[in-house]
Amino acid sequence: MNWLIDSILSWSFFWVVYYVISLFFDYKIKSINQVTWDDLLHTVSRNMYLTSLFQPIFFYIIPYGILNPQYTVYRFIISAIVAEIIFFHTHKLLHCKYLYKYHEKHHRFIEPCALSALYCSGLEAIFSNHLSIVVGPLITGMQITEIMIWFGLCALNTLKAHSGFNRNYFNSRYHDLHHSKRSVNFGFLYLLDIFHGTCELPQKNKRMKE
């Protein structure tokens, strides 16, 4: 039953980091977004609940340690690449005509705040956002400490992408462009965006507006 304990610990750590760190960002909802504070909290809380149900399922069915590289750094690198592949393709798929209704909710935020990172439909929360960060750690055989660190880093990354901060690591301009134009910058590493020609560089020191 170690897989169940590991799934609970890592899920808990992700959401603790997500909620605690989001308090340090600007959490005001701008009128341009047309989203209420109650709707934001309700949706994010619902997705927290849904991922709590699916996290143990993912931990149970995804083959553990089928790659199992020797060093921690390799496990993190492979996990980042796997996350980029899954997130880019599922995210881009959600922008197609027939599936956009499951992604439209997230794009109600034209200028996001950090907490809005996981303001999305349940389908998107589970099979795009969450699945993309779970597969890599499991197939590379990460230990629970590594998984918790990985989940913490993923929480930080999605918060910074929606934060509105434009300094050093906390630079949201790339993802701001995605919320504004909806046709560029689908990934989080932007490697596949470069490959597919959907990467667009933001204007310096300017947050994009629709």
C-alpha atoms as a PDB file:
ATOM      1  CA  MET A   1       0.000   0.000   0.000  1.00  0.00           C
ATOM      2  CA  ASN A   2       3.017   2.300  -0.237  1.00  0.00           C
ATOM      3  CA  TRP A   3       1.669   3.641  -3.536  1.00  0.00           C
ATOM      4  CA  LEU A   4      -1.479   4.852  -1.760  1.00  0.00           C
ATOM      5  CA  ILE A   5       0.478   6.624   0.992  1.00  0.00           C
ATOM      6  CA  ASP A   6       2.805   8.179  -1.583  1.00  0.00           C
ATOM      7  CA  SER A   7      -0.156   9.411  -3.638  1.00  0.00           C
ATOM      8  CA  ILE A   8      -1.792  11.019  -0.602  1.00  0.00           C
ATOM      9  CA  LEU A   9       1.416  12.671   0.616  1.00  0.00           C
ATOM     10  CA  SER A  10       2.378  14.067  -2.788  1.00  0.00           C
ATOM     11  CA  TRP A  11      -1.174  15.262  -3.536  1.00  0.00           C
ATOM     12  CA  SER A  12      -1.331  17.000  -0.157  1.00  0.00           C
ATOM     13  CA  PHE A  13       2.052  18.649  -0.630  1.00  0.00           C
ATOM     14  CA  PHE A  14       1.098  19.990  -4.063  1.00  0.00           C
ATOM     15  CA  TRP A  15      -2.040  21.671  -2.767  1.00  0.00           C
ATOM     16  CA  VAL A  16      -0.383  23.053   0.379  1.00  0.00           C
ATOM     17  CA  VAL A  17       2.299  24.681  -1.784  1.00  0.00           C
ATOM     18  CA  TYR A  18      -0.330  25.886  -4.271  1.00  0.00           C
ATOM     19  CA  TYR A  19      -2.533  27.607  -1.701  1.00  0.00           C
ATOM     20  CA  VAL A  20       0.197  28.915   0.600  1.00  0.00           C
ATOM     21  CA  ILE A  21       2.442  30.357  -2.108  1.00  0.00           C
ATOM     22  CA  SER A  22      -0.516  31.869  -3.971  1.00  0.00           C
ATOM     23  CA  LEU A  23      -1.063  34.116  -0.950  1.00  0.00           C
ATOM     24  CA  PHE A  24       2.210  35.901  -1.749  1.00  0.00           C
ATOM     25  CA  PHE A  25       0.992  36.909  -5.216  1.00  0.00           C
ATOM     26  CA  ASP A  26      -1.569  39.469  -6.252  1.00  0.00           C
ATOM     27  CA  TYR A  27      -4.873  37.633  -5.943  1.00  0.00           C
ATOM     28  CA  LYS A  28      -7.166  40.438  -7.063  1.00  0.00           C
ATOM     29  CA  ILE A  29      -9.511  39.567  -9.921  1.00  0.00           C
ATOM     30  CA  LYS A  30      -9.501  42.278 -12.574  1.00  0.00           C
ATOM     31  CA  SER A  31     -12.819  43.294 -14.094  1.00  0.00           C
ATOM     32  CA  ILE A  32     -11.584  42.335 -17.574  1.00  0.00           C
ATOM     33  CA  ASN A  33     -11.695  38.654 -16.528  1.00  0.00           C
ATOM     34  CA  GLN A  34     -15.430  38.531 -15.725  1.00  0.00           C
ATOM     35  CA  VAL A  35     -14.921  35.891 -13.026  1.00  0.00           C
ATOM     36  CA  THR A  36     -16.207  36.194  -9.480  1.00  0.00           C
ATOM     37  CA  TRP A  37     -14.113  35.410  -6.424  1.00  0.00           C
ATOM     38  CA  ASP A  38     -16.672  32.805  -5.267  1.00  0.00           C
ATOM     39  CA  ASP A  39     -16.576  31.055  -8.640  1.00  0.00           C
ATOM     40  CA  LEU A  40     -12.780  30.979  -8.560  1.00  0.00           C
ATOM     41  CA  LEU A  41     -12.609  29.445  -5.084  1.00  0.00           C
ATOM     42  CA  HIS A  42     -15.393  26.964  -5.811  1.00  0.00           C
ATOM     43  CA  THR A  43     -13.799  25.758  -9.056  1.00  0.00           C
ATOM     44  CA  VAL A  44     -10.285  25.404  -7.664  1.00  0.00           C
ATOM     45  CA  SER A  45     -11.618  23.602  -4.574  1.00  0.00           C
ATOM     46  CA  ARG A  46     -13.632  21.239  -6.767  1.00  0.00           C
ATOM     47  CA  ASN A  47     -10.519  20.435  -8.803  1.00  0.00           C
ATOM     48  CA  MET A  48      -8.597  19.803  -5.605  1.00  0.00           C
ATOM     49  CA  TYR A  49     -11.251  17.248  -4.667  1.00  0.00           C
ATOM     50  CA  LEU A  50     -11.289  15.626  -8.127  1.00  0.00           C
ATOM     51  CA  THR A  51      -7.511  15.234  -8.216  1.00  0.00           C
ATOM     52  CA  SER A  52      -7.651  13.647  -4.761  1.00  0.00           C
ATOM     53  CA  LEU A  53      -9.817  10.902  -6.305  1.00  0.00           C
ATOM     54  CA  PHE A  54      -7.734  10.375  -9.427  1.00  0.00           C
ATOM     55  CA  GLN A  55      -4.250  10.654  -7.903  1.00  0.00           C
ATOM     56  CA  PRO A  56      -4.424   7.178  -6.265  1.00  0.00           C
ATOM     57  CA  ILE A  57      -5.812   5.735  -9.519  1.00  0.00           C
ATOM     58  CA  PHE A  58      -2.891   7.159 -11.501  1.00  0.00           C
ATOM     59  CA  PHE A  59      -0.414   5.881  -8.909  1.00  0.00           C
ATOM     60  CA  TYR A  60      -1.977   2.422  -9.135  1.00  0.00           C
ATOM     61  CA  ILE A  61      -2.265   1.990 -12.916  1.00  0.00           C
ATOM     62  CA  ILE A  62       0.839   3.788 -14.247  1.00  0.00           C
ATOM     63  CA  PRO A  63       3.822   1.385 -14.440  1.00  0.00           C
ATOM     64  CA  TYR A  64       6.296   2.310 -11.726  1.00  0.00           C
ATOM     65  CA  GLY A  65      10.019   2.503 -12.465  1.00  0.00           C
ATOM     66  CA  ILE A  66       9.979   1.210 -16.046  1.00  0.00           C
ATOM     67  CA  LEU A  67      12.817   3.639 -16.878  1.00  0.00           C
ATOM     68  CA  ASN A  68      14.412   4.084 -13.435  1.00  0.00           C
ATOM     69  CA  PRO A  69      17.498   6.193 -14.298  1.00  0.00           C
ATOM     70  CA  GLN A  70      20.285   6.055 -11.729  1.00  0.00           C
ATOM     71  CA  TYR A  71      20.503   9.708 -10.711  1.00  0.00           C
ATOM     72  CA  THR A  72      17.851  12.041  -9.319  1.00  0.00           C
ATOM     73  CA  VAL A  73      18.697  14.785 -11.803  1.00  0.00           C
ATOM     74  CA  TYR A  74      17.941  12.441 -14.701  1.00  0.00           C
ATOM     75  CA  ARG A  75      14.582  11.508 -13.157  1.00  0.00           C
ATOM     76  CA  PHE A  76      13.671  15.198 -12.938  1.00  0.00           C
ATOM     77  CA  ILE A  77      14.817  15.940 -16.489  1.00  0.00           C
ATOM     78  CA  ILE A  78      12.876  12.992 -17.933  1.00  0.00           C
ATOM     79  CA  SER A  79       9.813  13.925 -15.877  1.00  0.00           C
ATOM     80  CA  ALA A  80       9.962  17.504 -17.192  1.00  0.00           C
ATOM     81  CA  ILE A  81      10.157  16.259 -20.790  1.00  0.00           C
ATOM     82  CA  VAL A  82       7.279  13.815 -20.254  1.00  0.00           C
ATOM     83  CA  ALA A  83       5.202  16.586 -18.647  1.00  0.00           C
ATOM     84  CA  GLU A  84       5.902  18.897 -21.581  1.00  0.00           C
ATOM     85  CA  ILE A  85       4.852  16.225 -24.103  1.00  0.00           C
ATOM     86  CA  ILE A  86       1.613  15.359 -22.294  1.00  0.00           C
ATOM     87  CA  PHE A  87       0.659  18.921 -21.361  1.00  0.00           C
ATOM     88  CA  PHE A  88       1.421  20.441 -24.763  1.00  0.00           C
ATOM     89  CA  HIS A  89      -0.610  17.889 -26.697  1.00  0.00           C
ATOM     90  CA  THR A  90      -3.564  17.686 -24.310  1.00  0.00           C
ATOM     91  CA  HIS A  91      -3.632  21.485 -23.985  1.00  0.00           C
ATOM     92  CA  LYS A  92      -3.520  21.974 -27.747  1.00  0.00           C
ATOM     93  CA  LEU A  93      -6.217  19.322 -28.164  1.00  0.00           C
ATOM     94  CA  LEU A  94      -8.449  21.257 -25.761  1.00  0.00           C
ATOM     95  CA  HIS A  95      -8.191  24.228 -28.135  1.00  0.00           C
ATOM     96  CA  CYS A  96      -9.749  22.314 -31.017  1.00  0.00           C
ATOM     97  CA  LYS A  97     -13.322  23.136 -32.005  1.00  0.00           C
ATOM     98  CA  TYR A  98     -15.014  20.132 -30.409  1.00  0.00           C
ATOM     99  CA  LEU A  99     -13.162  20.156 -27.067  1.00  0.00           C
ATOM    100  CA  TYR A 100     -12.755  23.862 -26.411  1.00  0.00           C
ATOM    101  CA  LYS A 101     -15.909  23.882 -24.273  1.00  0.00           C
ATOM    102  CA  TYR A 102     -13.858  21.964 -21.676  1.00  0.00           C
ATOM    103  CA  HIS A 103     -11.120  24.602 -21.769  1.00  0.00           C
ATOM    104  CA  GLU A 104     -13.093  27.809 -22.233  1.00  0.00           C
ATOM    105  CA  LYS A 105     -13.537  28.238 -18.477  1.00  0.00           C
ATOM    106  CA  HIS A 106      -9.802  28.683 -17.958  1.00  0.00           C
ATOM    107  CA  HIS A 107      -9.680  31.371 -20.655  1.00  0.00           C
ATOM    108  CA  ARG A 108     -12.236  33.516 -18.894  1.00  0.00           C
ATOM    109  CA  PHE A 109      -9.100  34.862 -17.255  1.00  0.00           C
ATOM    110  CA  ILE A 110      -7.572  37.141 -19.881  1.00  0.00           C
ATOM    111  CA  GLU A 111      -5.177  38.519 -17.287  1.00  0.00           C
ATOM    112  CA  PRO A 112      -4.812  35.692 -14.751  1.00  0.00           C
ATOM    113  CA  CYS A 113      -3.834  35.827 -11.111  1.00  0.00           C
ATOM    114  CA  ALA A 114      -1.764  33.072  -9.510  1.00  0.00           C
ATOM    115  CA  LEU A 115      -4.698  31.272  -7.891  1.00  0.00           C
ATOM    116  CA  SER A 116      -6.473  31.074 -11.257  1.00  0.00           C
ATOM    117  CA  ALA A 117      -3.866  28.612 -12.545  1.00  0.00           C
ATOM    118  CA  LEU A 118      -6.191  25.711 -11.748  1.00  0.00           C
ATOM    119  CA  TYR A 119      -9.439  27.494 -12.533  1.00  0.00           C
ATOM    120  CA  CYS A 120     -10.607  25.094 -15.236  1.00  0.00           C
ATOM    121  CA  SER A 121     -13.017  22.283 -16.016  1.00  0.00           C
ATOM    122  CA  GLY A 122     -12.679  19.004 -14.154  1.00  0.00           C
ATOM    123  CA  LEU A 123     -11.693  17.216 -17.371  1.00  0.00           C
ATOM    124  CA  GLU A 124      -8.837  19.623 -17.959  1.00  0.00           C
ATOM    125  CA  ALA A 125      -7.715  19.507 -14.327  1.00  0.00           C
ATOM    126  CA  ILE A 126      -7.412  15.717 -14.347  1.00  0.00           C
ATOM    127  CA  PHE A 127      -6.362  14.665 -17.834  1.00  0.00           C
ATOM    128  CA  SER A 128      -4.216  17.643 -18.845  1.00  0.00           C
ATOM    129  CA  ASN A 129      -2.875  19.458 -15.801  1.00  0.00           C
ATOM    130  CA  HIS A 130      -2.629  16.620 -13.318  1.00  0.00           C
ATOM    131  CA  LEU A 131      -1.848  13.670 -15.557  1.00  0.00           C
ATOM    132  CA  SER A 132       1.054  15.567 -17.128  1.00  0.00           C
ATOM    133  CA  ILE A 133       2.895  15.902 -13.801  1.00  0.00           C
ATOM    134  CA  VAL A 134       2.145  12.405 -12.484  1.00  0.00           C
ATOM    135  CA  VAL A 135       3.412  10.155 -15.290  1.00  0.00           C
ATOM    136  CA  GLY A 136       7.100  11.198 -15.267  1.00  0.00           C
ATOM    137  CA  PRO A 137       7.815  10.640 -11.559  1.00  0.00           C
ATOM    138  CA  LEU A 138       6.179   7.205 -11.635  1.00  0.00           C
ATOM    139  CA  ILE A 139       7.794   5.773 -14.757  1.00  0.00           C
ATOM    140  CA  THR A 140      11.210   7.039 -13.624  1.00  0.00           C
ATOM    141  CA  GLY A 141      10.812   5.463 -10.187  1.00  0.00           C
ATOM    142  CA  MET A 142      11.048   8.604  -8.073  1.00  0.00           C
ATOM    143  CA  GLN A 143      11.086   8.102  -4.309  1.00  0.00           C
ATOM    144  CA  ILE A 144       8.440   9.885  -2.237  1.00  0.00           C
ATOM    145  CA  THR A 145      10.788  12.732  -1.239  1.00  0.00           C
ATOM    146  CA  GLU A 146      11.623  13.345  -4.889  1.00  0.00           C
ATOM    147  CA  ILE A 147       7.950  13.179  -5.885  1.00  0.00           C
ATOM    148  CA  MET A 148       7.026  15.757  -3.245  1.00  0.00           C
ATOM    149  CA  ILE A 149       9.804  18.087  -4.400  1.00  0.00           C
ATOM    150  CA  TRP A 150       8.679  17.590  -8.010  1.00  0.00           C
ATOM    151  CA  PHE A 151       5.046  18.329  -7.157  1.00  0.00           C
ATOM    152  CA  GLY A 152       6.108  21.411  -5.206  1.00  0.00           C
ATOM    153  CA  LEU A 153       8.091  22.682  -8.200  1.00  0.00           C
ATOM    154  CA  CYS A 154       5.127  22.027 -10.512  1.00  0.00           C
ATOM    155  CA  ALA A 155       2.843  23.994  -8.200  1.00  0.00           C
ATOM    156  CA  LEU A 156       5.328  26.876  -8.188  1.00  0.00           C
ATOM    157  CA  ASN A 157       5.626  26.769 -11.963  1.00  0.00           C
ATOM    158  CA  THR A 158       1.902  26.979 -12.662  1.00  0.00           C
ATOM    159  CA  LEU A 159       1.542  29.764 -10.078  1.00  0.00           C
ATOM    160  CA  LYS A 160       4.306  31.843 -11.642  1.00  0.00           C
ATOM    161  CA  ALA A 161       2.909  31.292 -15.152  1.00  0.00           C
ATOM    162  CA  HIS A 162      -0.354  32.942 -14.072  1.00  0.00           C
ATOM    163  CA  SER A 163       1.079  35.382 -11.547  1.00  0.00           C
ATOM    164  CA  GLY A 164       1.558  38.534 -13.635  1.00  0.00           C
ATOM    165  CA  PHE A 165       5.141  38.763 -12.342  1.00  0.00           C
ATOM    166  CA  ASN A 166       7.732  39.702 -14.933  1.00  0.00           C
ATOM    167  CA  ARG A 167      10.951  39.300 -12.998  1.00  0.00           C
ATOM    168  CA  ASN A 168      13.605  36.626 -13.481  1.00  0.00           C
ATOM    169  CA  TYR A 169      12.153  33.131 -12.835  1.00  0.00           C
ATOM    170  CA  PHE A 170       8.725  34.540 -11.964  1.00  0.00           C
ATOM    171  CA  ASN A 171       8.021  35.618 -15.502  1.00  0.00           C
ATOM    172  CA  SER A 172       4.459  35.156 -16.694  1.00  0.00           C
ATOM    173  CA  ARG A 173       4.656  37.003 -20.004  1.00  0.00           C
ATOM    174  CA  TYR A 174       4.835  33.857 -22.157  1.00  0.00           C
ATOM    175  CA  HIS A 175       1.657  32.407 -20.698  1.00  0.00           C
ATOM    176  CA  ASP A 176      -0.001  35.826 -20.637  1.00  0.00           C
ATOM    177  CA  LEU A 177       0.338  35.748 -24.411  1.00  0.00           C
ATOM    178  CA  HIS A 178      -1.442  32.408 -24.519  1.00  0.00           C
ATOM    179  CA  HIS A 179      -4.375  33.803 -22.538  1.00  0.00           C
ATOM    180  CA  SER A 180      -4.505  36.838 -24.789  1.00  0.00           C
ATOM    181  CA  LYS A 181      -4.080  35.232 -28.219  1.00  0.00           C
ATOM    182  CA  ARG A 182      -5.100  31.611 -27.477  1.00  0.00           C
ATOM    183  CA  SER A 183      -3.065  30.306 -30.422  1.00  0.00           C
ATOM    184  CA  VAL A 184       0.505  30.432 -29.085  1.00  0.00           C
ATOM    185  CA  ASN A 185       2.633  29.136 -26.176  1.00  0.00           C
ATOM    186  CA  PHE A 186       0.754  25.938 -25.324  1.00  0.00           C
ATOM    187  CA  GLY A 187       3.534  24.192 -23.394  1.00  0.00           C
ATOM    188  CA  PHE A 188       5.318  25.098 -20.194  1.00  0.00           C
ATOM    189  CA  LEU A 189       8.892  24.474 -21.339  1.00  0.00           C
ATOM    190  CA  TYR A 190       7.998  25.859 -24.797  1.00  0.00           C
ATOM    191  CA  LEU A 191      10.226  23.256 -26.462  1.00  0.00           C
ATOM    192  CA  LEU A 192       7.339  21.782 -28.419  1.00  0.00           C
ATOM    193  CA  ASP A 193       6.025  25.265 -29.167  1.00  0.00           C
ATOM    194  CA  ILE A 194       9.345  26.030 -30.843  1.00  0.00           C
ATOM    195  CA  PHE A 195       9.200  22.721 -32.750  1.00  0.00           C
ATOM    196  CA  HIS A 196       5.602  23.271 -33.917  1.00  0.00           C
ATOM    197  CA  GLY A 197       6.010  26.970 -34.628  1.00  0.00           C
ATOM    198  CA  THR A 198       3.588  28.124 -31.918  1.00  0.00           C
ATOM    199  CA  CYS A 199       6.137  29.858 -29.683  1.00  0.00           C
ATOM    200  CA  GLU A 200       5.822  33.632 -29.537  1.00  0.00           C
ATOM    201  CA  LEU A 201       8.116  35.911 -27.573  1.00  0.00           C
ATOM    202  CA  PRO A 202       6.435  38.573 -25.436  1.00  0.00           C
ATOM    203  CA  GLN A 203       7.159  42.260 -25.641  1.00  0.00           C
ATOM    204  CA  LYS A 204       9.641  43.315 -23.021  1.00  0.00           C
ATOM    205  CA  ASN A 205       8.206  44.653 -19.744  1.00  0.00           C
ATOM    206  CA  LYS A 206       4.650  44.513 -21.004  1.00  0.00           C
ATOM    207  CA  ARG A 207       1.827  42.311 -19.906  1.00  0.00           C
ATOM    208  CA  MET A 208      -0.302  41.361 -22.868  1.00  0.00           C
ATOM    209  CA  LYS A 209      -3.919  42.479 -22.980  1.00  0.00           C
ATOM    210  CA  GLU A 210      -6.662  41.465 -25.368  1.00  0.00           C
END
